[in-house]
Each structure stands twice: as structure tokens, then as C-alpha cells.
N, C-alpha and C. Protein backbone atom coordinates (compact mmCIF):
# COMPACT_ATOMS: atom_id res chain seq x y z
N UNK A 1 -54.16 84.99 -47.88
CA UNK A 1 -53.72 83.75 -47.80
C UNK A 1 -52.36 83.71 -48.27
N UNK A 2 -51.68 84.77 -48.69
CA UNK A 2 -50.40 84.50 -48.92
C UNK A 2 -49.57 84.32 -47.74
N UNK A 3 -50.01 84.97 -46.78
CA UNK A 3 -49.39 84.83 -45.14
C UNK A 3 -49.49 83.17 -44.63
N UNK A 4 -50.28 82.47 -45.24
CA UNK A 4 -50.47 81.39 -44.84
C UNK A 4 -49.71 80.42 -45.63
N UNK A 5 -49.33 80.90 -46.87
CA UNK A 5 -48.50 80.00 -47.92
C UNK A 5 -47.29 79.78 -46.98
N UNK A 6 -46.75 80.66 -46.11
CA UNK A 6 -45.45 80.56 -45.65
C UNK A 6 -45.36 79.45 -44.54
N UNK A 7 -44.22 78.92 -44.40
CA UNK A 7 -44.05 77.79 -43.39
C UNK A 7 -44.09 78.47 -42.22
N UNK A 8 -44.65 77.84 -41.09
CA UNK A 8 -44.62 78.03 -39.70
C UNK A 8 -44.41 76.78 -38.99
N UNK A 9 -43.76 77.10 -37.77
CA UNK A 9 -43.73 76.17 -36.56
C UNK A 9 -44.91 75.67 -36.01
N UNK A 10 -44.96 75.12 -34.87
CA UNK A 10 -45.78 74.60 -34.10
C UNK A 10 -46.51 75.94 -33.27
N UNK A 11 -45.83 76.60 -33.10
CA UNK A 11 -46.22 77.86 -32.04
C UNK A 11 -46.68 79.07 -33.28
N UNK A 12 -46.75 78.69 -34.54
CA UNK A 12 -47.33 79.87 -35.48
C UNK A 12 -46.10 80.84 -35.84
N UNK A 13 -45.06 80.78 -35.56
CA UNK A 13 -43.98 81.63 -35.90
C UNK A 13 -43.37 81.14 -36.85
N UNK A 14 -42.88 82.13 -37.91
CA UNK A 14 -42.48 81.71 -39.10
C UNK A 14 -40.99 80.87 -39.03
N UNK A 15 -41.28 79.71 -39.98
CA UNK A 15 -40.09 78.76 -40.25
C UNK A 15 -38.68 79.48 -40.38
N UNK A 16 -38.01 79.19 -39.55
CA UNK A 16 -36.46 79.80 -39.83
C UNK A 16 -35.48 78.57 -39.92
N UNK A 17 -34.76 78.36 -41.40
CA UNK A 17 -33.84 77.30 -41.55
C UNK A 17 -32.80 77.30 -40.29
N UNK A 18 -32.62 76.23 -39.96
CA UNK A 18 -31.56 76.06 -38.82
C UNK A 18 -30.01 76.07 -39.56
N UNK A 19 -29.09 76.84 -38.89
CA UNK A 19 -27.96 77.05 -39.71
C UNK A 19 -27.00 75.87 -39.22
N UNK A 20 -26.16 75.28 -39.95
CA UNK A 20 -25.37 74.55 -39.81
C UNK A 20 -24.34 74.98 -38.35
N UNK A 21 -23.73 73.87 -38.00
CA UNK A 21 -22.81 73.94 -36.64
C UNK A 21 -21.72 74.67 -37.35
N UNK A 22 -21.39 75.75 -37.00
CA UNK A 22 -20.06 76.47 -37.56
C UNK A 22 -18.99 76.19 -36.70
N UNK A 23 -17.77 76.21 -37.40
CA UNK A 23 -16.67 75.92 -36.59
C UNK A 23 -15.92 74.57 -36.67
N UNK A 24 -14.80 74.70 -36.17
CA UNK A 24 -13.91 73.37 -36.15
C UNK A 24 -14.51 72.33 -35.34
N UNK A 25 -14.39 70.82 -35.85
CA UNK A 25 -14.90 69.98 -34.88
C UNK A 25 -14.04 69.88 -33.68
N UNK A 26 -14.41 69.12 -32.66
CA UNK A 26 -13.97 69.44 -31.52
C UNK A 26 -12.76 67.95 -31.68
N UNK A 27 -11.66 68.17 -30.82
CA UNK A 27 -10.54 67.34 -31.10
C UNK A 27 -10.79 66.25 -30.07
N UNK A 28 -10.54 64.83 -31.04
CA UNK A 28 -10.51 63.76 -30.17
C UNK A 28 -9.21 63.48 -29.76
N UNK A 29 -8.87 62.95 -28.58
CA UNK A 29 -7.80 62.29 -28.20
C UNK A 29 -7.58 60.80 -28.57
N UNK A 30 -6.20 60.91 -29.16
CA UNK A 30 -5.86 59.72 -29.63
C UNK A 30 -4.64 59.22 -29.07
N UNK A 31 -4.33 57.78 -28.87
CA UNK A 31 -3.44 57.51 -28.20
C UNK A 31 -1.79 57.54 -29.00
N UNK A 32 -2.23 57.33 -30.55
CA UNK A 32 -1.01 57.65 -31.30
C UNK A 32 -0.31 59.15 -30.97
N UNK A 33 -1.07 60.13 -31.02
CA UNK A 33 -0.89 61.21 -30.62
C UNK A 33 -0.28 61.37 -29.23
N UNK A 34 -0.84 60.96 -28.37
CA UNK A 34 -0.32 60.79 -26.93
C UNK A 34 0.86 60.36 -26.73
N UNK A 35 1.15 59.24 -27.60
CA UNK A 35 2.59 58.74 -27.60
C UNK A 35 3.68 59.65 -28.14
N UNK A 36 3.12 60.43 -29.33
CA UNK A 36 4.17 61.39 -30.12
C UNK A 36 4.41 62.59 -28.86
N UNK A 37 3.49 62.98 -28.08
CA UNK A 37 3.38 64.00 -27.15
C UNK A 37 4.51 63.79 -26.42
N UNK A 38 4.24 62.45 -25.70
CA UNK A 38 5.42 61.87 -24.90
C UNK A 38 6.79 62.02 -25.24
N UNK A 39 6.91 61.36 -26.36
CA UNK A 39 8.45 61.21 -27.00
C UNK A 39 9.03 62.60 -27.38
N UNK A 40 7.94 63.38 -27.83
CA UNK A 40 8.55 64.79 -28.02
C UNK A 40 8.92 65.46 -26.89
N UNK A 41 8.05 65.62 -25.59
CA UNK A 41 8.63 66.11 -24.52
C UNK A 41 9.57 65.41 -24.04
N UNK A 42 10.13 64.16 -23.76
CA UNK A 42 10.93 63.44 -23.38
C UNK A 42 12.28 63.85 -24.14
N UNK A 43 12.31 64.35 -25.41
CA UNK A 43 13.40 64.63 -25.77
C UNK A 43 13.64 66.07 -25.89
N UNK A 44 12.99 66.75 -24.88
CA UNK A 44 13.16 68.34 -24.66
C UNK A 44 12.50 69.47 -25.50
N UNK A 45 11.58 68.84 -26.14
CA UNK A 45 10.72 69.81 -27.13
C UNK A 45 9.90 70.56 -26.15
N UNK A 46 9.31 71.89 -26.64
CA UNK A 46 8.46 72.79 -25.75
C UNK A 46 7.18 72.45 -26.35
N UNK A 47 6.27 73.11 -25.36
CA UNK A 47 5.07 73.01 -25.88
C UNK A 47 4.65 73.55 -27.42
N UNK A 48 5.36 74.67 -27.45
CA UNK A 48 5.05 75.68 -28.85
C UNK A 48 5.47 74.47 -29.95
N UNK A 49 6.82 73.99 -29.60
CA UNK A 49 7.06 73.20 -30.86
C UNK A 49 6.21 71.90 -31.02
N UNK A 50 5.86 71.39 -29.86
CA UNK A 50 5.05 70.26 -29.86
C UNK A 50 3.59 70.48 -30.96
N UNK A 51 3.11 71.69 -30.23
CA UNK A 51 2.01 72.07 -30.91
C UNK A 51 1.87 72.22 -32.43
N UNK A 52 3.04 72.94 -32.82
CA UNK A 52 3.21 73.22 -34.00
C UNK A 52 3.52 71.85 -34.87
N UNK A 53 4.12 71.21 -34.11
CA UNK A 53 4.60 69.64 -35.08
C UNK A 53 3.28 68.99 -35.28
N UNK A 54 2.39 68.99 -34.07
CA UNK A 54 1.12 68.05 -34.40
C UNK A 54 0.10 68.79 -35.18
N UNK A 55 0.03 70.37 -35.37
CA UNK A 55 -0.98 71.03 -35.80
C UNK A 55 -2.16 71.10 -34.92
N UNK A 56 -1.86 71.33 -33.62
CA UNK A 56 -2.56 71.59 -32.75
C UNK A 56 -2.51 73.14 -32.06
N UNK A 57 -3.43 73.56 -31.47
CA UNK A 57 -3.14 75.03 -30.74
C UNK A 57 -2.62 74.62 -29.37
N UNK A 58 -1.89 75.56 -28.59
CA UNK A 58 -1.37 75.20 -27.52
C UNK A 58 -2.43 74.79 -26.50
N UNK A 59 -3.56 75.71 -26.24
CA UNK A 59 -4.65 75.43 -25.30
C UNK A 59 -5.20 73.86 -25.62
N UNK A 60 -5.37 73.42 -26.96
CA UNK A 60 -5.91 72.29 -27.12
C UNK A 60 -4.84 71.24 -26.80
N UNK A 61 -3.49 71.45 -26.91
CA UNK A 61 -2.39 70.52 -26.68
C UNK A 61 -2.46 70.19 -24.91
N UNK A 62 -2.77 71.55 -24.36
CA UNK A 62 -2.58 71.37 -22.79
C UNK A 62 -3.82 70.64 -22.32
N UNK A 63 -4.95 70.84 -22.98
CA UNK A 63 -6.19 70.33 -22.44
C UNK A 63 -6.06 68.80 -22.54
N UNK A 64 -5.82 68.11 -23.73
CA UNK A 64 -5.97 66.91 -24.09
C UNK A 64 -4.97 66.18 -23.55
N UNK A 65 -3.55 66.63 -23.57
CA UNK A 65 -2.54 65.85 -23.30
C UNK A 65 -1.70 66.43 -22.12
N UNK A 66 -2.33 66.88 -21.01
CA UNK A 66 -1.42 67.53 -19.95
C UNK A 66 -0.76 66.42 -19.27
N UNK A 67 -1.02 65.16 -19.06
CA UNK A 67 -0.50 64.12 -18.74
C UNK A 67 0.86 63.78 -19.27
N UNK A 68 0.89 63.72 -20.62
CA UNK A 68 2.20 63.48 -21.57
C UNK A 68 3.13 64.72 -21.26
N UNK A 69 2.26 65.92 -21.20
CA UNK A 69 3.31 67.34 -20.92
C UNK A 69 3.81 67.21 -19.93
N UNK A 70 3.41 66.90 -18.86
CA UNK A 70 3.67 66.79 -17.42
C UNK A 70 4.96 65.82 -17.08
N UNK A 71 4.84 64.52 -17.75
CA UNK A 71 5.81 63.67 -17.17
C UNK A 71 5.91 62.65 -18.53
N UNK A 72 6.31 63.36 -19.46
CA UNK A 72 6.55 62.71 -20.69
C UNK A 72 7.61 62.11 -20.96
N UNK A 73 8.70 62.32 -20.36
CA UNK A 73 9.97 61.57 -20.22
C UNK A 73 9.82 60.34 -19.32
N UNK A 74 8.97 60.05 -18.60
CA UNK A 74 8.69 59.03 -17.57
C UNK A 74 7.93 57.99 -18.39
N UNK A 75 7.01 58.50 -18.91
CA UNK A 75 5.92 57.49 -19.88
C UNK A 75 6.75 57.03 -20.83
N UNK A 76 7.38 58.02 -21.60
CA UNK A 76 8.37 57.37 -22.59
C UNK A 76 9.32 56.23 -22.27
N UNK A 77 10.13 56.50 -21.22
CA UNK A 77 10.89 55.73 -20.73
C UNK A 77 10.57 54.33 -20.57
N UNK A 78 9.23 54.21 -19.73
CA UNK A 78 8.47 53.05 -19.67
C UNK A 78 8.14 52.28 -20.33
N UNK A 79 7.59 53.01 -21.46
CA UNK A 79 6.94 52.13 -22.64
C UNK A 79 8.30 51.75 -23.41
N UNK A 80 9.44 52.36 -23.20
CA UNK A 80 10.74 51.77 -23.89
C UNK A 80 11.21 50.59 -22.96
N UNK A 81 11.32 50.54 -21.96
CA UNK A 81 11.37 49.49 -21.00
C UNK A 81 10.65 48.39 -21.22
N UNK A 82 9.36 48.64 -21.21
CA UNK A 82 8.47 47.57 -21.53
C UNK A 82 8.80 46.74 -23.06
N UNK A 83 9.18 47.49 -23.97
CA UNK A 83 9.36 46.89 -25.18
C UNK A 83 10.75 46.18 -25.04
N UNK A 84 11.58 46.57 -24.25
CA UNK A 84 12.86 46.05 -24.17
C UNK A 84 12.98 44.83 -23.37
N UNK A 85 11.97 44.90 -22.27
CA UNK A 85 11.98 43.64 -21.50
C UNK A 85 11.30 42.26 -22.24
N UNK A 86 10.53 42.86 -23.11
CA UNK A 86 9.79 41.59 -24.12
C UNK A 86 10.97 41.07 -24.91
N UNK A 87 12.10 41.96 -25.36
CA UNK A 87 12.77 41.50 -26.41
C UNK A 87 13.93 40.73 -25.61
N UNK A 88 14.22 41.11 -24.22
CA UNK A 88 15.39 40.48 -23.58
C UNK A 88 14.72 39.01 -23.28
N UNK A 89 13.10 38.97 -22.64
CA UNK A 89 12.87 37.77 -22.32
C UNK A 89 12.80 36.74 -23.73
N UNK A 90 12.70 37.46 -24.89
CA UNK A 90 12.74 36.66 -26.13
C UNK A 90 14.23 36.21 -26.41
N UNK A 91 15.13 36.60 -25.89
CA UNK A 91 16.53 36.23 -25.92
C UNK A 91 17.35 37.33 -26.46
N UNK A 92 17.18 38.31 -26.79
CA UNK A 92 17.96 39.36 -27.47
C UNK A 92 18.95 40.03 -26.13
N UNK A 93 20.33 39.54 -26.43
CA UNK A 93 21.28 39.87 -25.54
C UNK A 93 21.69 41.48 -25.10
N UNK A 94 21.21 42.45 -26.32
CA UNK A 94 21.46 43.94 -26.11
C UNK A 94 20.32 44.31 -25.38
N UNK A 95 19.29 43.72 -25.48
CA UNK A 95 17.97 44.40 -24.77
C UNK A 95 18.33 43.88 -23.35
N UNK A 96 18.51 42.78 -23.15
CA UNK A 96 18.61 42.16 -21.77
C UNK A 96 19.85 43.07 -21.27
N UNK A 97 21.06 43.45 -21.65
CA UNK A 97 21.98 44.24 -21.00
C UNK A 97 21.55 45.83 -20.78
N UNK A 98 20.58 46.35 -21.56
CA UNK A 98 19.74 47.45 -21.66
C UNK A 98 19.11 47.32 -20.16
N UNK A 99 18.27 46.23 -20.22
CA UNK A 99 17.35 46.19 -18.94
C UNK A 99 18.16 46.03 -17.60
N UNK A 100 19.42 44.91 -17.81
CA UNK A 100 20.32 45.21 -16.34
C UNK A 100 20.58 46.63 -16.13
N UNK A 101 21.08 47.55 -17.22
CA UNK A 101 21.48 48.99 -16.57
C UNK A 101 20.53 49.65 -15.98
N UNK A 102 19.15 49.48 -16.61
CA UNK A 102 17.91 50.01 -16.09
C UNK A 102 17.90 49.71 -14.49
N UNK A 103 17.91 48.35 -14.51
CA UNK A 103 17.50 47.89 -12.97
C UNK A 103 18.63 48.14 -12.13
N UNK A 104 19.99 48.45 -12.43
CA UNK A 104 20.99 48.87 -11.74
C UNK A 104 20.84 50.51 -11.20
N UNK A 105 19.92 51.32 -12.15
CA UNK A 105 19.64 52.52 -12.02
C UNK A 105 18.62 52.78 -10.92
N UNK A 106 17.60 51.74 -10.62
CA UNK A 106 16.73 51.86 -9.99
C UNK A 106 16.81 51.16 -8.68
N UNK A 107 15.77 50.54 -7.83
CA UNK A 107 15.75 49.62 -6.67
C UNK A 107 15.81 48.29 -7.12
N UNK A 108 15.58 48.04 -8.42
CA UNK A 108 15.12 46.66 -8.70
C UNK A 108 16.32 45.61 -8.69
N UNK A 109 17.76 46.26 -8.68
CA UNK A 109 18.96 45.58 -8.37
C UNK A 109 18.92 45.04 -7.22
N UNK A 110 18.52 45.77 -6.03
CA UNK A 110 18.45 45.23 -4.51
C UNK A 110 17.63 44.08 -4.90
N UNK A 111 16.33 44.17 -5.34
CA UNK A 111 15.38 43.26 -5.21
C UNK A 111 15.93 41.95 -5.89
N UNK A 112 16.62 41.83 -6.94
CA UNK A 112 17.01 40.98 -7.87
C UNK A 112 18.50 40.22 -7.12
N UNK A 113 19.20 41.01 -6.44
CA UNK A 113 20.07 40.40 -5.59
C UNK A 113 19.76 39.54 -4.41
N UNK A 114 18.73 40.24 -3.88
CA UNK A 114 18.39 39.65 -2.41
C UNK A 114 17.50 38.37 -3.05
N UNK A 115 16.63 38.10 -3.80
CA UNK A 115 16.01 37.15 -4.00
C UNK A 115 16.35 36.08 -4.57
N UNK A 116 17.78 36.18 -4.90
CA UNK A 116 18.63 35.26 -5.59
C UNK A 116 19.10 34.46 -4.47
N UNK A 117 19.54 32.92 -4.78
CA UNK A 117 19.92 32.46 -3.66
C UNK A 117 21.75 32.63 -3.88
N UNK A 118 22.06 32.38 -2.62
CA UNK A 118 23.83 32.29 -2.58
C UNK A 118 24.60 31.93 -3.82
N UNK A 119 25.31 32.65 -4.32
CA UNK A 119 26.33 31.78 -5.36
C UNK A 119 27.11 30.82 -5.01
N UNK A 120 27.23 29.63 -5.08
CA UNK A 120 28.05 28.73 -4.86
C UNK A 120 29.04 28.11 -5.94
N UNK A 121 30.26 28.40 -5.93
CA UNK A 121 31.03 28.03 -7.26
C UNK A 121 31.21 26.71 -7.44
N UNK A 122 31.15 26.50 -8.65
CA UNK A 122 31.05 24.72 -9.31
C UNK A 122 32.52 24.21 -8.92
N UNK A 123 32.58 23.01 -8.54
CA UNK A 123 33.93 22.43 -8.52
C UNK A 123 34.52 22.33 -9.79
N UNK A 124 35.92 22.38 -9.86
CA UNK A 124 36.46 21.98 -11.11
C UNK A 124 36.35 20.87 -11.45
N UNK A 125 35.88 20.71 -12.99
CA UNK A 125 35.75 19.41 -13.47
C UNK A 125 37.21 18.51 -13.44
N UNK A 126 37.13 17.10 -13.12
CA UNK A 126 38.42 16.50 -13.00
C UNK A 126 38.54 15.66 -14.49
N UNK A 127 39.70 15.85 -14.92
CA UNK A 127 39.93 14.98 -16.40
C UNK A 127 39.85 13.69 -16.01
N UNK A 128 40.21 12.69 -17.31
CA UNK A 128 40.25 11.40 -17.28
C UNK A 128 41.50 10.76 -16.41
N UNK A 129 42.68 11.41 -16.46
CA UNK A 129 43.73 10.91 -15.72
C UNK A 129 43.22 11.15 -14.28
N UNK A 130 42.85 12.28 -13.93
CA UNK A 130 42.89 12.58 -12.68
C UNK A 130 41.93 11.76 -11.90
N UNK A 131 40.67 11.45 -12.90
CA UNK A 131 39.75 10.78 -12.09
C UNK A 131 40.03 8.96 -12.34
N UNK A 132 41.01 8.64 -13.12
CA UNK A 132 41.67 7.34 -12.84
C UNK A 132 42.50 7.35 -11.61
N UNK A 133 43.50 8.21 -11.36
CA UNK A 133 44.34 8.36 -10.42
C UNK A 133 43.52 8.40 -8.77
N UNK A 134 42.46 8.86 -8.67
CA UNK A 134 41.61 9.02 -7.57
C UNK A 134 41.28 7.69 -7.32
N UNK A 135 40.38 6.85 -8.34
CA UNK A 135 40.01 5.47 -8.34
C UNK A 135 40.84 4.49 -7.90
N UNK A 136 42.23 4.73 -8.43
CA UNK A 136 43.19 3.67 -7.92
C UNK A 136 43.62 3.84 -6.80
N UNK A 137 43.60 5.00 -6.18
CA UNK A 137 44.11 5.02 -4.66
C UNK A 137 42.92 4.53 -3.82
N UNK A 138 41.69 4.20 -4.00
CA UNK A 138 40.80 3.42 -3.07
C UNK A 138 40.41 2.29 -3.88
N UNK A 139 40.92 1.81 -4.78
CA UNK A 139 40.48 0.77 -5.58
C UNK A 139 40.30 -0.49 -4.78
N UNK A 140 41.14 -0.91 -3.48
CA UNK A 140 41.00 -2.14 -2.84
C UNK A 140 40.21 -1.79 -1.52
N UNK A 141 40.12 -0.52 -1.21
CA UNK A 141 39.13 -0.56 -0.01
C UNK A 141 37.74 -1.27 -0.12
N UNK A 142 37.30 -2.13 1.09
CA UNK A 142 35.90 -2.74 0.92
C UNK A 142 35.96 -4.16 0.12
N UNK A 143 36.97 -4.47 -0.31
CA UNK A 143 36.99 -5.67 -1.02
C UNK A 143 37.94 -6.59 -0.34
N UNK A 144 37.97 -8.09 -0.86
CA UNK A 144 39.00 -8.87 -0.41
C UNK A 144 40.35 -8.61 -0.71
N UNK A 145 40.55 -7.71 -1.81
CA UNK A 145 42.05 -7.37 -1.99
C UNK A 145 42.44 -6.57 -0.85
N UNK A 146 41.87 -5.59 -0.41
CA UNK A 146 42.18 -4.75 0.85
C UNK A 146 43.71 -4.11 0.24
N UNK A 147 44.60 -4.07 0.92
CA UNK A 147 45.80 -3.22 0.59
C UNK A 147 46.62 -3.80 -0.55
N UNK A 148 46.40 -4.75 -0.81
CA UNK A 148 47.29 -5.55 -1.90
C UNK A 148 47.44 -4.55 -3.34
N UNK A 149 46.41 -3.83 -3.63
CA UNK A 149 46.59 -2.93 -5.00
C UNK A 149 47.46 -1.67 -4.44
N UNK A 150 47.75 -1.49 -3.43
CA UNK A 150 48.48 -0.20 -3.06
C UNK A 150 50.18 -0.47 -3.56
N UNK A 151 50.78 0.72 -3.96
CA UNK A 151 52.06 0.64 -4.18
C UNK A 151 52.75 0.10 -3.20
N UNK A 152 54.02 -0.81 -3.27
CA UNK A 152 54.78 -1.00 -2.08
C UNK A 152 55.46 0.10 -1.53
N UNK A 153 55.76 -0.11 -0.08
CA UNK A 153 56.68 1.08 0.36
C UNK A 153 57.99 1.02 -0.06
N UNK A 154 58.52 2.22 -0.27
CA UNK A 154 59.89 2.11 -0.83
C UNK A 154 60.91 1.22 0.03
N UNK A 155 62.02 0.89 -0.47
CA UNK A 155 62.81 0.22 0.22
C UNK A 155 63.67 1.08 1.12
N UNK A 156 63.96 0.89 2.39
CA UNK A 156 64.84 1.81 3.35
C UNK A 156 66.17 1.87 2.63
N UNK A 157 66.88 3.00 2.87
CA UNK A 157 68.08 3.49 2.29
C UNK A 157 69.01 2.71 2.99
N UNK A 158 70.08 2.13 2.36
CA UNK A 158 71.08 1.41 3.08
C UNK A 158 72.33 2.46 3.45
N UNK A 159 72.95 1.88 4.41
CA UNK A 159 74.04 2.45 4.80
C UNK A 159 75.39 2.18 4.48
N UNK A 160 76.27 2.77 3.89
CA UNK A 160 77.39 2.15 3.49
C UNK A 160 78.47 2.88 4.65
């Protein structure tokens, strides 16, 4: 009966306690880490340096963040451009200048200049005196006064 006192499973085999799952937990991809990888890669860091900085193994880094390793500089530049665009739209002049420079580097400058209407220069504003002089030259036209308001012709020169 001592054999019966031991625990058995449904098949009659002796019960063996399951061992816990060993090893390290599987890495979860996080957007914050992906952004760091992209920025570090954009600054010229090597895969070994990035893995050491983030505390990951190189195979794990390559497995989960391959896009950022391949095109990290472009992704970081796009994120920066989006942030600067928002600031430029909000009225930040430095951000607007940065966006203008970025557009000049790409094809966007051709698009911006082609979609704008042709620039026509503004007429120079006239001052008070110029406006009064212009009004005086045409003051009598279309009225009963006619040419009476115009300055008289100068007298002819006399011969001596």
C-alpha cells in the first residue's frame, strides 16, 4: 500500500513536479527603445555599441530592431522634421527656417514654388502730399468747373 500513497498521474505514472520555465524572459519590442536605436544609429554608433548601451545582445538587437539599424538616420530625420513642422506651424521662426532648409534639400522646394501664384510687387504707397497733388490735377474734370481749377499758362516771354 505504500506504492499507492505516492501520487500518480492519469496514466498511472508517478507524479513529477513540473520545473519552472528557466532562462531569461523573451524581449518585447518597445517604441521608446526603437527610437533610441534609430537615434544612436543616426549618430553613427555601431551595432555593438548600441547593444551595449541598451543592455541587449547583438542578435536580439538585430532581430527586433532591424528596421532602425538599417535606416535609423532616415527615421530619426523624419521624426525631427515632423516635430519641427509642428513648431513652425505654431509660429516658431527658427523651426520655420529649419523646415525651409530641409525643403530646399529635397524636391519639396520645386513643389512649393510651382504651386504659388506669381509674385507681383506691391505699388509703393503714396504720401499725403502726393495724393493731394494727384487729386488737384484732376479736380475739375467731370464737373461744371471744367478747366477753371487748372493753373494758368505762363505768360509768353517778351522780346526786347
